[in-house]
Amino acid sequence: MNLGRTARPLRRLVTVVSKKGCHLCEKVVEALNSMSSRYDFEVRVLDISNDAKRTNKYFLTIPVVQIDGKDVFDATDMTPGPE
């Protein structure tokens, strides 16, 4: 039953896999937070510092960005800009 309302799509969840002291992770979170209201998504940070399994999986590739739980971007996708 619709009751005359249009269904609003669920808000996307963007998660940044991070660890304490990761300055690049902090920059990614800051950039995403600055866009979150404009593009209607929620930003969360997943700290892997106390999780051995996730640390083993992500340590060399943080920051990792996930959208709705799926890895879509990590540090290996970053390339240096032109000098």
PDB file of N, CA and C in Angstrom:
ATOM      1  N   MET A   1       0.845  -1.179   0.000  1.00  0.00           N
ATOM      2  CA  MET A   1       0.000   0.000   0.000  1.00  0.00           C
ATOM      3  C   MET A   1       0.888   1.239   0.000  1.00  0.00           C
ATOM      4  N   ASN A   2       0.670   2.172  -0.904  1.00  0.00           N
ATOM      5  CA  ASN A   2       1.548   3.317  -1.093  1.00  0.00           C
ATOM      6  C   ASN A   2       1.099   4.548  -0.320  1.00  0.00           C
ATOM      7  N   LEU A   3      -0.163   4.762  -0.099  1.00  0.00           N
ATOM      8  CA  LEU A   3      -0.715   5.918   0.604  1.00  0.00           C
ATOM      9  C   LEU A   3      -0.325   7.249  -0.042  1.00  0.00           C
ATOM     10  N   GLY A   4      -0.057   7.256  -1.349  1.00  0.00           N
ATOM     11  CA  GLY A   4       0.233   8.487  -2.046  1.00  0.00           C
ATOM     12  C   GLY A   4       1.645   9.017  -1.878  1.00  0.00           C
ATOM     13  N   ARG A   5       2.482   8.321  -1.161  1.00  0.00           N
ATOM     14  CA  ARG A   5       3.863   8.776  -0.975  1.00  0.00           C
ATOM     15  C   ARG A   5       4.776   8.047  -1.944  1.00  0.00           C
ATOM     16  N   THR A   6       5.764   8.757  -2.413  1.00  0.00           N
ATOM     17  CA  THR A   6       6.749   8.092  -3.261  1.00  0.00           C
ATOM     18  C   THR A   6       7.824   7.492  -2.372  1.00  0.00           C
ATOM     19  N   ALA A   7       8.240   6.314  -2.722  1.00  0.00           N
ATOM     20  CA  ALA A   7       9.261   5.637  -1.926  1.00  0.00           C
ATOM     21  C   ALA A   7      10.599   6.328  -2.136  1.00  0.00           C
ATOM     22  N   ARG A   8      11.274   6.621  -1.042  1.00  0.00           N
ATOM     23  CA  ARG A   8      12.595   7.230  -1.104  1.00  0.00           C
ATOM     24  C   ARG A   8      13.632   6.113  -1.094  1.00  0.00           C
ATOM     25  N   PRO A   9      14.577   6.152  -2.012  1.00  0.00           N
ATOM     26  CA  PRO A   9      15.591   5.104  -2.013  1.00  0.00           C
ATOM     27  C   PRO A   9      16.378   5.119  -0.705  1.00  0.00           C
ATOM     28  N   LEU A  10      16.832   3.956  -0.310  1.00  0.00           N
ATOM     29  CA  LEU A  10      17.619   3.869   0.904  1.00  0.00           C
ATOM     30  C   LEU A  10      18.910   4.655   0.751  1.00  0.00           C
ATOM     31  N   ARG A  11      19.308   5.273   1.828  1.00  0.00           N
ATOM     32  CA  ARG A  11      20.537   6.056   1.828  1.00  0.00           C
ATOM     33  C   ARG A  11      21.737   5.120   1.740  1.00  0.00           C
ATOM     34  N   ARG A  12      22.668   5.433   0.881  1.00  0.00           N
ATOM     35  CA  ARG A  12      23.873   4.624   0.719  1.00  0.00           C
ATOM     36  C   ARG A  12      24.768   4.753   1.938  1.00  0.00           C
ATOM     37  N   LEU A  13      25.461   3.677   2.262  1.00  0.00           N
ATOM     38  CA  LEU A  13      26.424   3.678   3.349  1.00  0.00           C
ATOM     39  C   LEU A  13      27.815   3.576   2.754  1.00  0.00           C
ATOM     40  N   VAL A  14      28.635   4.586   3.025  1.00  0.00           N
ATOM     41  CA  VAL A  14      30.025   4.603   2.572  1.00  0.00           C
ATOM     42  C   VAL A  14      30.905   4.415   3.805  1.00  0.00           C
ATOM     43  N   THR A  15      31.685   3.349   3.801  1.00  0.00           N
ATOM     44  CA  THR A  15      32.550   3.018   4.927  1.00  0.00           C
ATOM     45  C   THR A  15      34.002   3.193   4.512  1.00  0.00           C
ATOM     46  N   VAL A  16      34.780   3.830   5.389  1.00  0.00           N
ATOM     47  CA  VAL A  16      36.208   3.967   5.164  1.00  0.00           C
ATOM     48  C   VAL A  16      36.912   3.039   6.146  1.00  0.00           C
ATOM     49  N   VAL A  17      37.609   2.045   5.606  1.00  0.00           N
ATOM     50  CA  VAL A  17      38.393   1.126   6.430  1.00  0.00           C
ATOM     51  C   VAL A  17      39.686   1.861   6.763  1.00  0.00           C
ATOM     52  N   SER A  18      39.973   1.974   8.060  1.00  0.00           N
ATOM     53  CA  SER A  18      41.036   2.848   8.519  1.00  0.00           C
ATOM     54  C   SER A  18      41.740   2.230   9.726  1.00  0.00           C
ATOM     55  N   LYS A  19      42.759   2.917  10.199  1.00  0.00           N
ATOM     56  CA  LYS A  19      43.395   2.561  11.467  1.00  0.00           C
ATOM     57  C   LYS A  19      43.907   3.838  12.112  1.00  0.00           C
ATOM     58  N   LYS A  20      44.161   3.778  13.388  1.00  0.00           N
ATOM     59  CA  LYS A  20      44.660   4.941  14.112  1.00  0.00           C
ATOM     60  C   LYS A  20      45.959   5.430  13.480  1.00  0.00           C
ATOM     61  N   GLY A  21      46.038   6.742  13.278  1.00  0.00           N
ATOM     62  CA  GLY A  21      47.257   7.331  12.750  1.00  0.00           C
ATOM     63  C   GLY A  21      47.360   7.348  11.239  1.00  0.00           C
ATOM     64  N   CYS A  22      46.339   6.900  10.537  1.00  0.00           N
ATOM     65  CA  CYS A  22      46.367   6.899   9.071  1.00  0.00           C
ATOM     66  C   CYS A  22      45.879   8.263   8.583  1.00  0.00           C
ATOM     67  N   HIS A  23      46.823   9.123   8.242  1.00  0.00           N
ATOM     68  CA  HIS A  23      46.468  10.485   7.837  1.00  0.00           C
ATOM     69  C   HIS A  23      45.761  10.520   6.486  1.00  0.00           C
ATOM     70  N   LEU A  24      46.123   9.626   5.599  1.00  0.00           N
ATOM     71  CA  LEU A  24      45.434   9.553   4.316  1.00  0.00           C
ATOM     72  C   LEU A  24      43.976   9.139   4.518  1.00  0.00           C
ATOM     73  N   CYS A  25      43.760   8.214   5.455  1.00  0.00           N
ATOM     74  CA  CYS A  25      42.388   7.799   5.790  1.00  0.00           C
ATOM     75  C   CYS A  25      41.573   8.997   6.285  1.00  0.00           C
ATOM     76  N   GLU A  26      42.187   9.807   7.131  1.00  0.00           N
ATOM     77  CA  GLU A  26      41.502  10.979   7.668  1.00  0.00           C
ATOM     78  C   GLU A  26      41.108  11.933   6.542  1.00  0.00           C
ATOM     79  N   LYS A  27      41.979  12.107   5.553  1.00  0.00           N
ATOM     80  CA  LYS A  27      41.671  12.988   4.423  1.00  0.00           C
ATOM     81  C   LYS A  27      40.504  12.446   3.591  1.00  0.00           C
ATOM     82  N   VAL A  28      40.476  11.119   3.417  1.00  0.00           N
ATOM     83  CA  VAL A  28      39.378  10.508   2.661  1.00  0.00           C
ATOM     84  C   VAL A  28      38.056  10.705   3.406  1.00  0.00           C
ATOM     85  N   VAL A  29      38.064  10.480   4.720  1.00  0.00           N
ATOM     86  CA  VAL A  29      36.855  10.670   5.525  1.00  0.00           C
ATOM     87  C   VAL A  29      36.389  12.126   5.440  1.00  0.00           C
ATOM     88  N   GLU A  30      37.320  13.050   5.545  1.00  0.00           N
ATOM     89  CA  GLU A  30      36.982  14.470   5.462  1.00  0.00           C
ATOM     90  C   GLU A  30      36.356  14.812   4.112  1.00  0.00           C
ATOM     91  N   ALA A  31      36.941  14.313   3.039  1.00  0.00           N
ATOM     92  CA  ALA A  31      36.405  14.586   1.701  1.00  0.00           C
ATOM     93  C   ALA A  31      35.008  13.989   1.541  1.00  0.00           C
ATOM     94  N   LEU A  32      34.826  12.758   1.999  1.00  0.00           N
ATOM     95  CA  LEU A  32      33.515  12.117   1.880  1.00  0.00           C
ATOM     96  C   LEU A  32      32.468  12.841   2.726  1.00  0.00           C
ATOM     97  N   ASN A  33      32.848  13.231   3.947  1.00  0.00           N
ATOM     98  CA  ASN A  33      31.909  13.967   4.804  1.00  0.00           C
ATOM     99  C   ASN A  33      31.471  15.270   4.150  1.00  0.00           C
ATOM    100  N   SER A  34      32.378  15.926   3.435  1.00  0.00           N
ATOM    101  CA  SER A  34      32.024  17.198   2.797  1.00  0.00           C
ATOM    102  C   SER A  34      31.021  17.006   1.665  1.00  0.00           C
ATOM    103  N   MET A  35      30.926  15.799   1.123  1.00  0.00           N
ATOM    104  CA  MET A  35      30.004  15.522   0.015  1.00  0.00           C
ATOM    105  C   MET A  35      28.748  14.770   0.444  1.00  0.00           C
ATOM    106  N   SER A  36      28.721  14.274   1.665  1.00  0.00           N
ATOM    107  CA  SER A  36      27.670  13.338   2.073  1.00  0.00           C
ATOM    108  C   SER A  36      26.257  13.915   2.046  1.00  0.00           C
ATOM    109  N   SER A  37      26.082  15.155   2.451  1.00  0.00           N
ATOM    110  CA  SER A  37      24.724  15.707   2.436  1.00  0.00           C
ATOM    111  C   SER A  37      24.277  16.035   1.011  1.00  0.00           C
ATOM    112  N   ARG A  38      25.203  16.484   0.196  1.00  0.00           N
ATOM    113  CA  ARG A  38      24.857  16.821  -1.191  1.00  0.00           C
ATOM    114  C   ARG A  38      24.419  15.592  -1.981  1.00  0.00           C
ATOM    115  N   TYR A  39      25.111  14.466  -1.752  1.00  0.00           N
ATOM    116  CA  TYR A  39      24.820  13.253  -2.503  1.00  0.00           C
ATOM    117  C   TYR A  39      24.066  12.209  -1.676  1.00  0.00           C
ATOM    118  N   ASP A  40      23.650  12.590  -0.483  1.00  0.00           N
ATOM    119  CA  ASP A  40      22.801  11.772   0.388  1.00  0.00           C
ATOM    120  C   ASP A  40      23.365  10.378   0.675  1.00  0.00           C
ATOM    121  N   PHE A  41      24.526  10.341   1.305  1.00  0.00           N
ATOM    122  CA  PHE A  41      25.058   9.079   1.803  1.00  0.00           C
ATOM    123  C   PHE A  41      25.606   9.281   3.205  1.00  0.00           C
ATOM    124  N   GLU A  42      25.712   8.194   3.928  1.00  0.00           N
ATOM    125  CA  GLU A  42      26.231   8.207   5.292  1.00  0.00           C
ATOM    126  C   GLU A  42      27.666   7.704   5.281  1.00  0.00           C
ATOM    127  N   VAL A  43      28.536   8.375   6.037  1.00  0.00           N
ATOM    128  CA  VAL A  43      29.938   7.976   6.123  1.00  0.00           C
ATOM    129  C   VAL A  43      30.188   7.349   7.487  1.00  0.00           C
ATOM    130  N   ARG A  44      30.813   6.190   7.463  1.00  0.00           N
ATOM    131  CA  ARG A  44      31.242   5.528   8.698  1.00  0.00           C
ATOM    132  C   ARG A  44      32.705   5.163   8.567  1.00  0.00           C
ATOM    133  N   VAL A  45      33.373   5.055   9.700  1.00  0.00           N
ATOM    134  CA  VAL A  45      34.779   4.638   9.726  1.00  0.00           C
ATOM    135  C   VAL A  45      34.851   3.294  10.429  1.00  0.00           C
ATOM    136  N   LEU A  46      35.550   2.352   9.808  1.00  0.00           N
ATOM    137  CA  LEU A  46      35.775   1.035  10.392  1.00  0.00           C
ATOM    138  C   LEU A  46      37.245   0.952  10.769  1.00  0.00           C
ATOM    139  N   ASP A  47      37.533   1.027  12.072  1.00  0.00           N
ATOM    140  CA  ASP A  47      38.908   0.980  12.572  1.00  0.00           C
ATOM    141  C   ASP A  47      39.331  -0.480  12.712  1.00  0.00           C
ATOM    142  N   ILE A  48      40.389  -0.843  11.987  1.00  0.00           N
ATOM    143  CA  ILE A  48      40.848  -2.236  11.989  1.00  0.00           C
ATOM    144  C   ILE A  48      41.920  -2.501  13.037  1.00  0.00           C
ATOM    145  N   SER A  49      42.275  -1.503  13.829  1.00  0.00           N
ATOM    146  CA  SER A  49      43.391  -1.617  14.768  1.00  0.00           C
ATOM    147  C   SER A  49      43.286  -2.804  15.714  1.00  0.00           C
ATOM    148  N   ASN A  50      42.094  -3.139  16.141  1.00  0.00           N
ATOM    149  CA  ASN A  50      41.924  -4.215  17.123  1.00  0.00           C
ATOM    150  C   ASN A  50      41.292  -5.461  16.524  1.00  0.00           C
ATOM    151  N   ASP A  51      41.419  -5.627  15.220  1.00  0.00           N
ATOM    152  CA  ASP A  51      40.816  -6.773  14.548  1.00  0.00           C
ATOM    153  C   ASP A  51      41.881  -7.419  13.657  1.00  0.00           C
ATOM    154  N   ALA A  52      42.473  -8.492  14.142  1.00  0.00           N
ATOM    155  CA  ALA A  52      43.598  -9.131  13.438  1.00  0.00           C
ATOM    156  C   ALA A  52      43.225  -9.589  12.033  1.00  0.00           C
ATOM    157  N   LYS A  53      42.044 -10.133  11.867  1.00  0.00           N
ATOM    158  CA  LYS A  53      41.634 -10.626  10.556  1.00  0.00           C
ATOM    159  C   LYS A  53      41.532  -9.478   9.545  1.00  0.00           C
ATOM    160  N   ARG A  54      40.885  -8.396   9.945  1.00  0.00           N
ATOM    161  CA  ARG A  54      40.757  -7.250   9.042  1.00  0.00           C
ATOM    162  C   ARG A  54      42.098  -6.550   8.838  1.00  0.00           C
ATOM    163  N   THR A  55      42.923  -6.520   9.878  1.00  0.00           N
ATOM    164  CA  THR A  55      44.256  -5.928   9.730  1.00  0.00           C
ATOM    165  C   THR A  55      45.047  -6.688   8.678  1.00  0.00           C
ATOM    166  N   ASN A  56      45.022  -8.016   8.725  1.00  0.00           N
ATOM    167  CA  ASN A  56      45.724  -8.826   7.731  1.00  0.00           C
ATOM    168  C   ASN A  56      45.196  -8.580   6.325  1.00  0.00           C
ATOM    169  N   LYS A  57      43.896  -8.391   6.206  1.00  0.00           N
ATOM    170  CA  LYS A  57      43.284  -8.194   4.893  1.00  0.00           C
ATOM    171  C   LYS A  57      43.559  -6.803   4.315  1.00  0.00           C
ATOM    172  N   TYR A  58      43.501  -5.771   5.168  1.00  0.00           N
ATOM    173  CA  TYR A  58      43.493  -4.397   4.671  1.00  0.00           C
ATOM    174  C   TYR A  58      44.743  -3.570   4.972  1.00  0.00           C
ATOM    175  N   PHE A  59      45.651  -4.044   5.790  1.00  0.00           N
ATOM    176  CA  PHE A  59      46.752  -3.211   6.284  1.00  0.00           C
ATOM    177  C   PHE A  59      47.523  -2.503   5.171  1.00  0.00           C
ATOM    178  N   LEU A  60      47.824  -3.184   4.098  1.00  0.00           N
ATOM    179  CA  LEU A  60      48.634  -2.598   3.029  1.00  0.00           C
ATOM    180  C   LEU A  60      47.832  -1.787   2.015  1.00  0.00           C
ATOM    181  N   THR A  61      46.517  -1.767   2.161  1.00  0.00           N
ATOM    182  CA  THR A  61      45.697  -1.081   1.155  1.00  0.00           C
ATOM    183  C   THR A  61      44.816   0.028   1.719  1.00  0.00           C
ATOM    184  N   ILE A  62      44.912   0.328   3.023  1.00  0.00           N
ATOM    185  CA  ILE A  62      44.076   1.402   3.563  1.00  0.00           C
ATOM    186  C   ILE A  62      44.564   2.750   3.069  1.00  0.00           C
ATOM    187  N   PRO A  63      43.673   3.683   2.879  1.00  0.00           N
ATOM    188  CA  PRO A  63      42.248   3.598   3.137  1.00  0.00           C
ATOM    189  C   PRO A  63      41.520   2.793   2.056  1.00  0.00           C
ATOM    190  N   VAL A  64      40.574   2.016   2.523  1.00  0.00           N
ATOM    191  CA  VAL A  64      39.686   1.279   1.631  1.00  0.00           C
ATOM    192  C   VAL A  64      38.306   1.914   1.768  1.00  0.00           C
ATOM    193  N   VAL A  65      37.674   2.180   0.641  1.00  0.00           N
ATOM    194  CA  VAL A  65      36.327   2.728   0.653  1.00  0.00           C
ATOM    195  C   VAL A  65      35.370   1.630   0.212  1.00  0.00           C
ATOM    196  N   GLN A  66      34.337   1.440   1.012  1.00  0.00           N
ATOM    197  CA  GLN A  66      33.290   0.463   0.698  1.00  0.00           C
ATOM    198  C   GLN A  66      31.985   1.219   0.488  1.00  0.00           C
ATOM    199  N   ILE A  67      31.212   0.763  -0.475  1.00  0.00           N
ATOM    200  CA  ILE A  67      29.854   1.282  -0.652  1.00  0.00           C
ATOM    201  C   ILE A  67      28.916   0.119  -0.414  1.00  0.00           C
ATOM    202  N   ASP A  68      28.061   0.309   0.572  1.00  0.00           N
ATOM    203  CA  ASP A  68      27.111  -0.729   0.971  1.00  0.00           C
ATOM    204  C   ASP A  68      27.813  -2.076   1.192  1.00  0.00           C
ATOM    205  N   GLY A  69      28.992  -2.029   1.833  1.00  0.00           N
ATOM    206  CA  GLY A  69      29.699  -3.245   2.216  1.00  0.00           C
ATOM    207  C   GLY A  69      30.627  -3.832   1.167  1.00  0.00           C
ATOM    208  N   LYS A  70      30.674  -3.238  -0.011  1.00  0.00           N
ATOM    209  CA  LYS A  70      31.516  -3.767  -1.083  1.00  0.00           C
ATOM    210  C   LYS A  70      32.729  -2.859  -1.283  1.00  0.00           C
ATOM    211  N   ASP A  71      33.936  -3.445  -1.280  1.00  0.00           N
ATOM    212  CA  ASP A  71      35.158  -2.678  -1.523  1.00  0.00           C
ATOM    213  C   ASP A  71      35.126  -2.114  -2.937  1.00  0.00           C
ATOM    214  N   VAL A  72      35.272  -0.785  -3.046  1.00  0.00           N
ATOM    215  CA  VAL A  72      35.243  -0.149  -4.371  1.00  0.00           C
ATOM    216  C   VAL A  72      36.487   0.673  -4.673  1.00  0.00           C
ATOM    217  N   PHE A  73      37.303   0.937  -3.664  1.00  0.00           N
ATOM    218  CA  PHE A  73      38.466   1.795  -3.851  1.00  0.00           C
ATOM    219  C   PHE A  73      39.440   1.528  -2.726  1.00  0.00           C
ATOM    220  N   ASP A  74      40.739   1.521  -3.044  1.00  0.00           N
ATOM    221  CA  ASP A  74      41.736   1.437  -1.986  1.00  0.00           C
ATOM    222  C   ASP A  74      42.986   2.191  -2.397  1.00  0.00           C
ATOM    223  N   ALA A  75      43.984   2.203  -1.528  1.00  0.00           N
ATOM    224  CA  ALA A  75      45.185   2.983  -1.768  1.00  0.00           C
ATOM    225  C   ALA A  75      45.914   2.581  -3.041  1.00  0.00           C
ATOM    226  N   THR A  76      45.752   1.357  -3.466  1.00  0.00           N
ATOM    227  CA  THR A  76      46.425   0.933  -4.695  1.00  0.00           C
ATOM    228  C   THR A  76      45.824   1.590  -5.934  1.00  0.00           C
ATOM    229  N   ASP A  77      44.622   2.162  -5.786  1.00  0.00           N
ATOM    230  CA  ASP A  77      43.986   2.868  -6.899  1.00  0.00           C
ATOM    231  C   ASP A  77      44.503   4.305  -7.042  1.00  0.00           C
ATOM    232  N   MET A  78      45.259   4.761  -6.063  1.00  0.00           N
ATOM    233  CA  MET A  78      45.785   6.121  -6.091  1.00  0.00           C
ATOM    234  C   MET A  78      47.102   6.132  -6.852  1.00  0.00           C
ATOM    235  N   THR A  79      47.231   7.110  -7.707  1.00  0.00           N
ATOM    236  CA  THR A  79      48.495   7.286  -8.425  1.00  0.00           C
ATOM    237  C   THR A  79      48.978   8.703  -8.189  1.00  0.00           C
ATOM    238  N   PRO A  80      50.273   8.869  -8.163  1.00  0.00           N
ATOM    239  CA  PRO A  80      50.781  10.229  -7.972  1.00  0.00           C
ATOM    240  C   PRO A  80      50.385  11.122  -9.147  1.00  0.00           C
ATOM    241  N   GLY A  81      50.108  12.366  -8.850  1.00  0.00           N
ATOM    242  CA  GLY A  81      49.770  13.320  -9.893  1.00  0.00           C
ATOM    243  C   GLY A  81      51.013  13.752 -10.649  1.00  0.00           C
ATOM    244  N   PRO A  82      50.814  14.494 -11.696  1.00  0.00           N
ATOM    245  CA  PRO A  82      51.967  14.966 -12.464  1.00  0.00           C
ATOM    246  C   PRO A  82      52.826  15.907 -11.618  1.00  0.00           C
ATOM    247  N   GLU A  83      54.097  15.818 -11.815  1.00  0.00           N
ATOM    248  CA  GLU A  83      55.001  16.669 -11.033  1.00  0.00           C
ATOM    249  C   GLU A  83      55.279  17.962 -11.726  1.00  0.00           C
TER     250      GLU A  83
END
